Amino acid sequence: MRVNIPPSRPRIPILRRDILEPTRLGRRIDRRWEKAPAALDRVQAIDPWAIDLRPAFRWAECRRQHQGECKTMTIERIECGPRMSQAVVHGDTVYLAGQVGAPGESVAAQTTAVLAQVDTLLKETGSSKDHLLMATIWLADMGDFAEMNGVWDAWVAGHPAPARATGEAKLAAPEYKVEIIIVAARA
């Protein structure tokens, strides 16, 4: 139920708090916002339960005025296959798929190969090691942690270290010993 304001006074949308229904705050009411900041004071003097909806309408007006300035987020997929993409860029964030090395090689060799793939994908997406945000590393055996860390530390040296998590997991094939997943920001 709305409070009726005599036609001689400016009209602003006002709902009573005791009967407020969320469905009444739709676009139809949005279009009724007009210049009348003093009208609420008069209405609240008559009905102290009245709610001022002006902030919601100011937001809608601002949205209408700046529609052309809104940044559209795009999704770019790199090396897209039928099942997955090697990299996905959303806005200024780069997500790399889990990278694995050649099956059957040592953990150090696989880690070196994986980090070379990561460098290539980061370059393709417009990022670099300086913009790493997060690294998730999966090892088939946590006993290989020190060997993997030796290669990782050399690769990250001289660059800001990302947040990192390392865990043990059964990988896609027993020949894989390390898988690395990277999230980075665009340069």
N, C-alpha and C. Protein backbone atom coordinates (compact mmCIF):
# COMPACT_ATOMS: atom_id res chain seq x y z
N MET A 1 0.85 -1.17 0.00
CA MET A 1 0.00 0.00 0.00
C MET A 1 0.90 1.24 0.00
N ARG A 2 0.63 2.15 -0.87
CA ARG A 2 1.41 3.37 -0.96
C ARG A 2 0.71 4.50 -0.24
N VAL A 3 1.51 5.41 0.23
CA VAL A 3 0.96 6.60 0.87
C VAL A 3 0.59 7.57 -0.25
N ASN A 4 -0.62 8.05 -0.24
CA ASN A 4 -1.05 8.97 -1.28
C ASN A 4 -0.58 10.38 -0.95
N ILE A 5 0.04 11.02 -1.93
CA ILE A 5 0.48 12.40 -1.78
C ILE A 5 -0.41 13.23 -2.69
N PRO A 6 -0.91 14.33 -2.21
CA PRO A 6 -1.76 15.16 -3.07
C PRO A 6 -1.01 15.52 -4.36
N PRO A 7 -1.71 15.61 -5.51
CA PRO A 7 -1.07 15.87 -6.78
C PRO A 7 -0.28 17.17 -6.84
N SER A 8 -0.57 18.12 -5.97
CA SER A 8 0.15 19.39 -6.00
C SER A 8 1.60 19.23 -5.51
N ARG A 9 1.88 18.16 -4.78
CA ARG A 9 3.23 17.93 -4.28
C ARG A 9 4.00 17.01 -5.21
N PRO A 10 5.32 17.13 -5.23
CA PRO A 10 6.11 16.21 -6.07
C PRO A 10 5.92 14.77 -5.60
N ARG A 11 5.99 13.81 -6.52
CA ARG A 11 5.78 12.41 -6.19
C ARG A 11 7.10 11.66 -6.18
N ILE A 12 7.33 10.88 -5.13
CA ILE A 12 8.46 9.96 -5.09
C ILE A 12 7.91 8.61 -4.65
N PRO A 13 8.53 7.53 -5.08
CA PRO A 13 8.02 6.21 -4.68
C PRO A 13 8.35 5.94 -3.21
N ILE A 14 7.34 5.58 -2.47
CA ILE A 14 7.50 5.31 -1.05
C ILE A 14 6.65 4.09 -0.72
N LEU A 15 7.21 3.16 0.04
CA LEU A 15 6.46 2.00 0.50
C LEU A 15 6.42 2.04 2.02
N ARG A 16 5.39 1.46 2.57
CA ARG A 16 5.33 1.37 4.03
C ARG A 16 6.14 0.16 4.47
N ARG A 17 6.91 0.31 5.58
CA ARG A 17 7.76 -0.77 6.08
C ARG A 17 6.93 -1.97 6.53
N ASP A 18 5.76 -1.74 7.08
CA ASP A 18 4.98 -2.84 7.63
C ASP A 18 4.31 -3.69 6.55
N ILE A 19 4.30 -3.25 5.30
CA ILE A 19 3.69 -4.04 4.24
C ILE A 19 4.63 -4.21 3.05
N LEU A 20 5.93 -4.05 3.27
CA LEU A 20 6.90 -4.10 2.19
C LEU A 20 6.94 -5.49 1.56
N GLU A 21 6.84 -5.54 0.25
CA GLU A 21 6.96 -6.79 -0.49
C GLU A 21 8.11 -6.64 -1.47
N PRO A 22 9.05 -7.60 -1.52
CA PRO A 22 10.19 -7.48 -2.42
C PRO A 22 9.79 -7.34 -3.89
N THR A 23 8.68 -7.93 -4.29
CA THR A 23 8.28 -7.88 -5.68
C THR A 23 7.86 -6.48 -6.12
N ARG A 24 7.60 -5.61 -5.18
CA ARG A 24 7.15 -4.27 -5.55
C ARG A 24 8.32 -3.36 -5.91
N LEU A 25 9.55 -3.86 -5.77
CA LEU A 25 10.71 -3.03 -6.06
C LEU A 25 11.24 -3.27 -7.47
N GLY A 26 10.37 -3.56 -8.40
CA GLY A 26 10.78 -3.88 -9.76
C GLY A 26 11.03 -2.65 -10.62
N ARG A 27 11.19 -2.88 -11.92
CA ARG A 27 11.51 -1.82 -12.86
C ARG A 27 10.40 -0.78 -12.99
N ARG A 28 9.15 -1.19 -12.80
CA ARG A 28 8.05 -0.25 -12.94
C ARG A 28 8.20 0.90 -11.96
N ILE A 29 8.54 0.59 -10.73
CA ILE A 29 8.74 1.63 -9.73
C ILE A 29 10.01 2.42 -10.06
N ASP A 30 11.03 1.72 -10.57
CA ASP A 30 12.32 2.33 -10.91
C ASP A 30 12.12 3.53 -11.84
N ARG A 31 11.19 3.43 -12.78
CA ARG A 31 10.99 4.51 -13.76
C ARG A 31 10.24 5.71 -13.17
N ARG A 32 9.72 5.58 -11.97
CA ARG A 32 8.92 6.66 -11.41
C ARG A 32 9.74 7.65 -10.58
N TRP A 33 11.02 7.42 -10.45
CA TRP A 33 11.85 8.32 -9.65
C TRP A 33 11.90 9.69 -10.32
N GLU A 34 11.54 10.70 -9.58
CA GLU A 34 11.58 12.06 -10.10
C GLU A 34 12.19 12.95 -9.04
N LYS A 35 12.41 14.20 -9.38
CA LYS A 35 13.02 15.12 -8.43
C LYS A 35 12.00 15.53 -7.37
N ALA A 36 12.24 15.07 -6.15
CA ALA A 36 11.34 15.43 -5.05
C ALA A 36 11.96 15.09 -3.71
N PRO A 37 13.15 15.59 -3.39
CA PRO A 37 13.78 15.19 -2.14
C PRO A 37 13.03 15.63 -0.89
N ALA A 38 12.29 16.70 -0.96
CA ALA A 38 11.60 17.19 0.25
C ALA A 38 10.29 16.46 0.50
N ALA A 39 9.78 15.76 -0.50
CA ALA A 39 8.48 15.10 -0.35
C ALA A 39 8.52 14.03 0.74
N LEU A 40 9.65 13.32 0.86
CA LEU A 40 9.73 12.27 1.86
C LEU A 40 9.58 12.84 3.27
N ASP A 41 10.19 13.97 3.52
CA ASP A 41 10.08 14.58 4.84
C ASP A 41 8.62 14.84 5.20
N ARG A 42 7.87 15.32 4.23
CA ARG A 42 6.45 15.58 4.48
C ARG A 42 5.70 14.27 4.71
N VAL A 43 6.04 13.25 3.92
CA VAL A 43 5.34 11.96 4.07
C VAL A 43 5.70 11.32 5.40
N GLN A 44 6.98 11.38 5.79
CA GLN A 44 7.37 10.76 7.05
C GLN A 44 6.76 11.50 8.24
N ALA A 45 6.50 12.77 8.08
CA ALA A 45 5.82 13.49 9.15
C ALA A 45 4.40 12.94 9.32
N ILE A 46 3.77 12.53 8.21
CA ILE A 46 2.42 11.96 8.26
C ILE A 46 2.49 10.49 8.64
N ASP A 47 3.44 9.75 8.05
CA ASP A 47 3.54 8.31 8.23
C ASP A 47 4.98 7.93 8.57
N PRO A 48 5.33 7.75 9.85
CA PRO A 48 6.71 7.45 10.23
C PRO A 48 7.19 6.08 9.75
N TRP A 49 6.30 5.23 9.25
CA TRP A 49 6.68 3.91 8.75
C TRP A 49 7.09 3.95 7.29
N ALA A 50 7.12 5.07 6.66
CA ALA A 50 7.45 5.16 5.23
C ALA A 50 8.94 4.89 5.01
N ILE A 51 9.26 4.24 3.90
CA ILE A 51 10.65 3.92 3.54
C ILE A 51 11.06 4.78 2.35
N ASP A 52 12.24 5.33 2.45
CA ASP A 52 12.77 6.13 1.34
C ASP A 52 13.44 5.19 0.35
N LEU A 53 12.92 5.15 -0.86
CA LEU A 53 13.50 4.30 -1.91
C LEU A 53 14.44 5.08 -2.82
N ARG A 54 14.74 6.33 -2.47
CA ARG A 54 15.58 7.14 -3.35
C ARG A 54 16.96 6.55 -3.61
N PRO A 55 17.67 5.95 -2.63
CA PRO A 55 18.99 5.40 -2.96
C PRO A 55 18.93 4.35 -4.07
N ALA A 56 17.91 3.49 -4.06
CA ALA A 56 17.79 2.48 -5.11
C ALA A 56 17.57 3.14 -6.47
N PHE A 57 16.82 4.22 -6.51
CA PHE A 57 16.54 4.88 -7.77
C PHE A 57 17.74 5.68 -8.25
N ARG A 58 18.52 6.22 -7.30
CA ARG A 58 19.76 6.90 -7.70
C ARG A 58 20.71 5.93 -8.34
N TRP A 59 20.81 4.71 -7.79
CA TRP A 59 21.67 3.69 -8.38
C TRP A 59 21.19 3.35 -9.80
N ALA A 60 19.88 3.19 -9.97
CA ALA A 60 19.35 2.87 -11.29
C ALA A 60 19.62 4.00 -12.28
N GLU A 61 19.49 5.23 -11.83
CA GLU A 61 19.76 6.37 -12.70
C GLU A 61 21.23 6.41 -13.09
N CYS A 62 22.10 6.16 -12.13
CA CYS A 62 23.54 6.13 -12.40
C CYS A 62 23.85 5.03 -13.40
N ARG A 63 23.22 3.87 -13.22
CA ARG A 63 23.43 2.76 -14.14
C ARG A 63 23.00 3.15 -15.56
N ARG A 64 21.87 3.82 -15.69
CA ARG A 64 21.40 4.24 -17.02
C ARG A 64 22.35 5.24 -17.64
N GLN A 65 22.87 6.16 -16.85
CA GLN A 65 23.76 7.19 -17.39
C GLN A 65 25.09 6.62 -17.85
N HIS A 66 25.57 5.56 -17.19
CA HIS A 66 26.91 5.04 -17.47
C HIS A 66 26.90 3.71 -18.20
N GLN A 67 25.79 3.36 -18.84
CA GLN A 67 25.72 2.08 -19.53
C GLN A 67 26.80 1.93 -20.59
N GLY A 68 27.10 2.96 -21.31
CA GLY A 68 28.09 2.87 -22.37
C GLY A 68 29.51 2.72 -21.83
N GLU A 69 29.73 3.07 -20.56
CA GLU A 69 31.07 3.02 -19.99
C GLU A 69 31.38 1.70 -19.31
N CYS A 70 30.41 0.81 -19.20
CA CYS A 70 30.63 -0.45 -18.50
C CYS A 70 31.64 -1.31 -19.27
N LYS A 71 32.55 -1.95 -18.54
CA LYS A 71 33.55 -2.82 -19.14
C LYS A 71 32.94 -4.21 -19.29
N THR A 72 32.95 -4.73 -20.48
CA THR A 72 32.43 -6.05 -20.73
C THR A 72 33.54 -7.06 -20.50
N MET A 73 33.26 -8.05 -19.69
CA MET A 73 34.24 -9.09 -19.42
C MET A 73 34.18 -10.11 -20.56
N THR A 74 35.33 -10.42 -21.12
CA THR A 74 35.38 -11.40 -22.19
C THR A 74 36.13 -12.63 -21.71
N ILE A 75 35.88 -13.73 -22.36
CA ILE A 75 36.58 -14.98 -22.06
C ILE A 75 37.34 -15.38 -23.32
N GLU A 76 38.63 -15.59 -23.17
CA GLU A 76 39.49 -15.99 -24.27
C GLU A 76 40.05 -17.37 -23.93
N ARG A 77 39.93 -18.31 -24.86
CA ARG A 77 40.42 -19.67 -24.63
C ARG A 77 41.61 -19.93 -25.54
N ILE A 78 42.66 -20.52 -24.99
CA ILE A 78 43.89 -20.77 -25.75
C ILE A 78 44.13 -22.28 -25.81
N GLU A 79 44.50 -22.75 -27.00
CA GLU A 79 44.71 -24.18 -27.25
C GLU A 79 43.50 -24.97 -26.78
N CYS A 80 42.37 -24.62 -27.36
CA CYS A 80 41.10 -25.21 -26.98
C CYS A 80 40.93 -26.56 -27.67
N GLY A 81 40.62 -27.59 -26.90
CA GLY A 81 40.36 -28.91 -27.44
C GLY A 81 38.93 -29.32 -27.15
N PRO A 82 38.56 -30.54 -27.49
CA PRO A 82 37.17 -30.97 -27.27
C PRO A 82 36.84 -31.13 -25.78
N ARG A 83 37.84 -31.39 -24.95
CA ARG A 83 37.59 -31.61 -23.53
C ARG A 83 37.98 -30.44 -22.65
N MET A 84 39.03 -29.70 -23.04
CA MET A 84 39.53 -28.63 -22.19
C MET A 84 40.37 -27.65 -22.97
N SER A 85 40.63 -26.51 -22.37
CA SER A 85 41.54 -25.51 -22.93
C SER A 85 42.80 -25.51 -22.08
N GLN A 86 43.94 -25.24 -22.71
CA GLN A 86 45.18 -25.18 -21.95
C GLN A 86 45.24 -23.92 -21.09
N ALA A 87 44.58 -22.86 -21.55
CA ALA A 87 44.55 -21.61 -20.78
C ALA A 87 43.23 -20.90 -21.07
N VAL A 88 42.72 -20.22 -20.06
CA VAL A 88 41.51 -19.40 -20.19
C VAL A 88 41.81 -18.06 -19.56
N VAL A 89 41.49 -16.99 -20.30
CA VAL A 89 41.68 -15.63 -19.78
C VAL A 89 40.29 -15.03 -19.59
N HIS A 90 40.01 -14.61 -18.36
CA HIS A 90 38.74 -13.96 -18.05
C HIS A 90 39.07 -12.60 -17.43
N GLY A 91 38.75 -11.55 -18.16
CA GLY A 91 39.13 -10.22 -17.69
C GLY A 91 40.64 -10.11 -17.68
N ASP A 92 41.22 -9.86 -16.53
CA ASP A 92 42.67 -9.77 -16.40
C ASP A 92 43.25 -10.94 -15.62
N THR A 93 42.49 -12.03 -15.52
CA THR A 93 42.96 -13.21 -14.80
C THR A 93 43.19 -14.35 -15.78
N VAL A 94 44.33 -15.01 -15.62
CA VAL A 94 44.72 -16.12 -16.50
C VAL A 94 44.67 -17.40 -15.69
N TYR A 95 43.97 -18.40 -16.20
CA TYR A 95 43.87 -19.71 -15.56
C TYR A 95 44.52 -20.73 -16.48
N LEU A 96 45.54 -21.42 -16.01
CA LEU A 96 46.19 -22.47 -16.80
C LEU A 96 45.68 -23.82 -16.35
N ALA A 97 45.46 -24.71 -17.31
CA ALA A 97 45.08 -26.08 -16.99
C ALA A 97 46.26 -26.77 -16.33
N GLY A 98 46.00 -27.89 -15.69
CA GLY A 98 47.08 -28.65 -15.08
C GLY A 98 48.07 -29.10 -16.15
N GLN A 99 49.34 -28.80 -15.95
CA GLN A 99 50.38 -29.14 -16.91
C GLN A 99 51.18 -30.32 -16.38
N VAL A 100 51.46 -31.28 -17.26
CA VAL A 100 52.25 -32.46 -16.89
C VAL A 100 53.40 -32.60 -17.87
N GLY A 101 54.45 -33.27 -17.41
CA GLY A 101 55.63 -33.49 -18.25
C GLY A 101 55.51 -34.81 -19.02
N ALA A 102 56.62 -35.23 -19.61
CA ALA A 102 56.65 -36.48 -20.36
C ALA A 102 56.54 -37.65 -19.39
N PRO A 103 55.64 -38.59 -19.67
CA PRO A 103 55.44 -39.72 -18.75
C PRO A 103 56.71 -40.56 -18.62
N GLY A 104 56.95 -41.03 -17.41
CA GLY A 104 58.07 -41.93 -17.17
C GLY A 104 59.38 -41.26 -16.80
N GLU A 105 59.51 -39.98 -17.01
CA GLU A 105 60.76 -39.29 -16.66
C GLU A 105 60.82 -39.02 -15.16
N SER A 106 61.95 -38.52 -14.69
CA SER A 106 62.11 -38.21 -13.26
C SER A 106 61.24 -37.01 -12.88
N VAL A 107 61.06 -36.83 -11.59
CA VAL A 107 60.27 -35.69 -11.11
C VAL A 107 60.92 -34.37 -11.53
N ALA A 108 62.25 -34.30 -11.45
CA ALA A 108 62.95 -33.07 -11.84
C ALA A 108 62.75 -32.78 -13.32
N ALA A 109 62.87 -33.81 -14.16
CA ALA A 109 62.69 -33.61 -15.61
C ALA A 109 61.25 -33.21 -15.93
N GLN A 110 60.28 -33.87 -15.29
CA GLN A 110 58.88 -33.52 -15.53
C GLN A 110 58.58 -32.10 -15.04
N THR A 111 59.12 -31.73 -13.90
CA THR A 111 58.88 -30.38 -13.36
C THR A 111 59.48 -29.33 -14.29
N THR A 112 60.69 -29.59 -14.80
CA THR A 112 61.33 -28.66 -15.75
C THR A 112 60.47 -28.50 -17.00
N ALA A 113 59.97 -29.62 -17.53
CA ALA A 113 59.12 -29.57 -18.74
C ALA A 113 57.82 -28.82 -18.46
N VAL A 114 57.22 -29.08 -17.31
CA VAL A 114 55.97 -28.41 -16.95
C VAL A 114 56.17 -26.91 -16.84
N LEU A 115 57.24 -26.49 -16.19
CA LEU A 115 57.48 -25.06 -16.01
C LEU A 115 57.82 -24.37 -17.34
N ALA A 116 58.42 -25.10 -18.27
CA ALA A 116 58.65 -24.55 -19.62
C ALA A 116 57.31 -24.35 -20.32
N GLN A 117 56.39 -25.30 -20.16
CA GLN A 117 55.04 -25.16 -20.74
C GLN A 117 54.32 -23.98 -20.11
N VAL A 118 54.45 -23.83 -18.80
CA VAL A 118 53.82 -22.71 -18.09
C VAL A 118 54.35 -21.39 -18.64
N ASP A 119 55.68 -21.28 -18.81
CA ASP A 119 56.27 -20.06 -19.38
C ASP A 119 55.67 -19.74 -20.75
N THR A 120 55.55 -20.76 -21.60
CA THR A 120 55.00 -20.57 -22.95
C THR A 120 53.55 -20.08 -22.89
N LEU A 121 52.74 -20.73 -22.05
CA LEU A 121 51.33 -20.34 -21.95
C LEU A 121 51.17 -18.95 -21.35
N LEU A 122 52.00 -18.63 -20.36
CA LEU A 122 51.91 -17.29 -19.77
C LEU A 122 52.25 -16.23 -20.82
N LYS A 123 53.25 -16.50 -21.65
CA LYS A 123 53.62 -15.55 -22.71
C LYS A 123 52.48 -15.39 -23.71
N GLU A 124 51.83 -16.52 -24.06
CA GLU A 124 50.70 -16.47 -25.01
C GLU A 124 49.53 -15.66 -24.48
N THR A 125 49.34 -15.70 -23.17
CA THR A 125 48.19 -15.01 -22.57
C THR A 125 48.50 -13.57 -22.17
N GLY A 126 49.73 -13.14 -22.36
CA GLY A 126 50.08 -11.77 -22.00
C GLY A 126 50.45 -11.62 -20.54
N SER A 127 50.96 -12.68 -19.94
CA SER A 127 51.36 -12.64 -18.55
C SER A 127 52.81 -13.10 -18.43
N SER A 128 53.29 -13.22 -17.19
CA SER A 128 54.67 -13.67 -16.97
C SER A 128 54.80 -14.18 -15.54
N LYS A 129 55.98 -14.68 -15.20
CA LYS A 129 56.23 -15.17 -13.84
C LYS A 129 56.09 -14.06 -12.80
N ASP A 130 56.24 -12.81 -13.21
CA ASP A 130 56.10 -11.70 -12.27
C ASP A 130 54.65 -11.48 -11.83
N HIS A 131 53.71 -12.09 -12.54
CA HIS A 131 52.29 -11.86 -12.27
C HIS A 131 51.57 -13.12 -11.76
N LEU A 132 52.32 -14.09 -11.28
CA LEU A 132 51.71 -15.31 -10.75
C LEU A 132 50.92 -14.99 -9.49
N LEU A 133 49.73 -15.55 -9.39
CA LEU A 133 48.89 -15.36 -8.21
C LEU A 133 48.87 -16.61 -7.34
N MET A 134 48.69 -17.78 -7.99
CA MET A 134 48.51 -19.02 -7.24
C MET A 134 49.06 -20.18 -8.03
N ALA A 135 49.72 -21.09 -7.34
CA ALA A 135 50.19 -22.33 -7.95
C ALA A 135 49.69 -23.49 -7.10
N THR A 136 49.12 -24.48 -7.75
CA THR A 136 48.70 -25.70 -7.08
C THR A 136 49.52 -26.83 -7.69
N ILE A 137 50.24 -27.54 -6.87
CA ILE A 137 51.13 -28.59 -7.35
C ILE A 137 50.67 -29.92 -6.78
N TRP A 138 50.49 -30.90 -7.67
CA TRP A 138 50.11 -32.25 -7.25
C TRP A 138 51.28 -33.17 -7.54
N LEU A 139 51.67 -33.92 -6.54
CA LEU A 139 52.73 -34.93 -6.69
C LEU A 139 52.12 -36.31 -6.53
N ALA A 140 52.62 -37.26 -7.31
CA ALA A 140 52.15 -38.64 -7.16
C ALA A 140 52.67 -39.23 -5.86
N ASP A 141 53.81 -38.73 -5.39
CA ASP A 141 54.41 -39.22 -4.15
C ASP A 141 55.07 -38.04 -3.43
N MET A 142 54.66 -37.78 -2.20
CA MET A 142 55.24 -36.65 -1.45
C MET A 142 56.72 -36.86 -1.15
N GLY A 143 57.22 -38.05 -1.35
CA GLY A 143 58.65 -38.31 -1.21
C GLY A 143 59.46 -37.55 -2.25
N ASP A 144 58.81 -37.11 -3.33
CA ASP A 144 59.49 -36.36 -4.40
C ASP A 144 59.44 -34.85 -4.17
N PHE A 145 58.94 -34.43 -3.01
CA PHE A 145 58.74 -33.01 -2.73
C PHE A 145 60.04 -32.20 -2.84
N ALA A 146 61.12 -32.68 -2.26
CA ALA A 146 62.39 -31.94 -2.27
C ALA A 146 62.94 -31.82 -3.69
N GLU A 147 62.84 -32.89 -4.48
CA GLU A 147 63.34 -32.86 -5.86
C GLU A 147 62.54 -31.84 -6.70
N MET A 148 61.22 -31.84 -6.55
CA MET A 148 60.38 -30.88 -7.27
C MET A 148 60.68 -29.46 -6.80
N ASN A 149 60.85 -29.28 -5.48
CA ASN A 149 61.12 -27.95 -4.93
C ASN A 149 62.42 -27.36 -5.46
N GLY A 150 63.44 -28.21 -5.68
CA GLY A 150 64.72 -27.73 -6.21
C GLY A 150 64.53 -27.07 -7.57
N VAL A 151 63.73 -27.69 -8.43
CA VAL A 151 63.46 -27.13 -9.77
C VAL A 151 62.58 -25.89 -9.64
N TRP A 152 61.55 -25.97 -8.82
CA TRP A 152 60.62 -24.85 -8.62
C TRP A 152 61.36 -23.61 -8.11
N ASP A 153 62.19 -23.79 -7.09
CA ASP A 153 62.92 -22.67 -6.49
C ASP A 153 63.81 -21.96 -7.51
N ALA A 154 64.46 -22.75 -8.37
CA ALA A 154 65.31 -22.15 -9.42
C ALA A 154 64.47 -21.38 -10.42
N TRP A 155 63.27 -21.89 -10.73
CA TRP A 155 62.39 -21.25 -11.72
C TRP A 155 61.81 -19.95 -11.17
N VAL A 156 61.45 -19.92 -9.90
CA VAL A 156 60.82 -18.75 -9.29
C VAL A 156 61.85 -17.69 -8.86
N ALA A 157 63.10 -18.08 -8.71
CA ALA A 157 64.13 -17.16 -8.19
C ALA A 157 64.14 -15.85 -8.99
N GLY A 158 64.17 -14.75 -8.27
CA GLY A 158 64.20 -13.42 -8.89
C GLY A 158 62.83 -12.88 -9.27
N HIS A 159 61.78 -13.62 -8.97
CA HIS A 159 60.40 -13.19 -9.27
C HIS A 159 59.59 -13.29 -7.98
N PRO A 160 58.50 -12.52 -7.86
CA PRO A 160 57.66 -12.64 -6.66
C PRO A 160 57.05 -14.04 -6.59
N ALA A 161 57.18 -14.68 -5.46
CA ALA A 161 56.63 -16.03 -5.30
C ALA A 161 55.11 -15.96 -5.15
N PRO A 162 54.38 -16.84 -5.83
CA PRO A 162 52.92 -16.84 -5.70
C PRO A 162 52.49 -17.58 -4.45
N ALA A 163 51.22 -17.48 -4.13
CA ALA A 163 50.65 -18.36 -3.11
C ALA A 163 50.74 -19.77 -3.70
N ARG A 164 51.01 -20.76 -2.85
CA ARG A 164 51.24 -22.10 -3.41
C ARG A 164 50.72 -23.15 -2.45
N ALA A 165 50.17 -24.20 -3.04
CA ALA A 165 49.75 -25.37 -2.27
C ALA A 165 50.30 -26.60 -2.97
N THR A 166 50.80 -27.56 -2.20
CA THR A 166 51.32 -28.80 -2.77
C THR A 166 50.65 -29.95 -2.04
N GLY A 167 50.20 -30.92 -2.81
CA GLY A 167 49.55 -32.08 -2.21
C GLY A 167 49.90 -33.34 -2.97
N GLU A 168 49.53 -34.46 -2.37
CA GLU A 168 49.76 -35.76 -3.00
C GLU A 168 48.44 -36.25 -3.55
N ALA A 169 48.47 -36.73 -4.80
CA ALA A 169 47.25 -37.23 -5.43
C ALA A 169 47.61 -38.28 -6.47
N LYS A 170 46.68 -39.15 -6.73
CA LYS A 170 46.85 -40.12 -7.82
C LYS A 170 46.58 -39.34 -9.11
N LEU A 171 47.57 -39.23 -9.98
CA LEU A 171 47.43 -38.44 -11.20
C LEU A 171 46.79 -39.29 -12.30
N ALA A 172 46.57 -38.70 -13.47
CA ALA A 172 45.82 -39.35 -14.56
C ALA A 172 46.43 -40.68 -14.99
N ALA A 173 47.74 -40.79 -14.94
CA ALA A 173 48.42 -42.04 -15.28
C ALA A 173 49.57 -42.23 -14.31
N PRO A 174 49.92 -43.47 -14.00
CA PRO A 174 50.99 -43.69 -13.01
C PRO A 174 52.35 -43.14 -13.45
N GLU A 175 52.54 -42.92 -14.75
CA GLU A 175 53.81 -42.40 -15.25
C GLU A 175 53.99 -40.92 -14.96
N TYR A 176 52.91 -40.22 -14.69
CA TYR A 176 53.00 -38.80 -14.35
C TYR A 176 53.35 -38.67 -12.87
N LYS A 177 54.32 -37.83 -12.58
CA LYS A 177 54.76 -37.67 -11.19
C LYS A 177 54.45 -36.29 -10.63
N VAL A 178 54.21 -35.32 -11.51
CA VAL A 178 53.92 -33.95 -11.04
C VAL A 178 52.94 -33.28 -12.01
N GLU A 179 52.02 -32.52 -11.45
CA GLU A 179 51.09 -31.71 -12.24
C GLU A 179 51.01 -30.35 -11.57
N ILE A 180 51.11 -29.27 -12.38
CA ILE A 180 51.10 -27.92 -11.83
C ILE A 180 49.98 -27.12 -12.48
N ILE A 181 49.21 -26.44 -11.64
CA ILE A 181 48.10 -25.59 -12.08
C ILE A 181 48.44 -24.17 -11.66
N ILE A 182 48.29 -23.22 -12.57
CA ILE A 182 48.70 -21.83 -12.31
C ILE A 182 47.52 -20.89 -12.53
N VAL A 183 47.42 -19.88 -11.67
CA VAL A 183 46.52 -18.74 -11.87
C VAL A 183 47.41 -17.50 -11.83
N ALA A 184 47.25 -16.63 -12.83
CA ALA A 184 48.09 -15.43 -12.91
C ALA A 184 47.25 -14.24 -13.34
N ALA A 185 47.83 -13.06 -13.18
CA ALA A 185 47.20 -11.83 -13.67
C ALA A 185 47.84 -11.46 -14.99
N ARG A 186 47.10 -10.78 -15.83
CA ARG A 186 47.70 -10.31 -17.08
C ARG A 186 48.68 -9.18 -16.77
N ALA A 187 49.71 -9.11 -17.57
CA ALA A 187 50.74 -8.08 -17.38
C ALA A 187 50.22 -6.72 -17.75
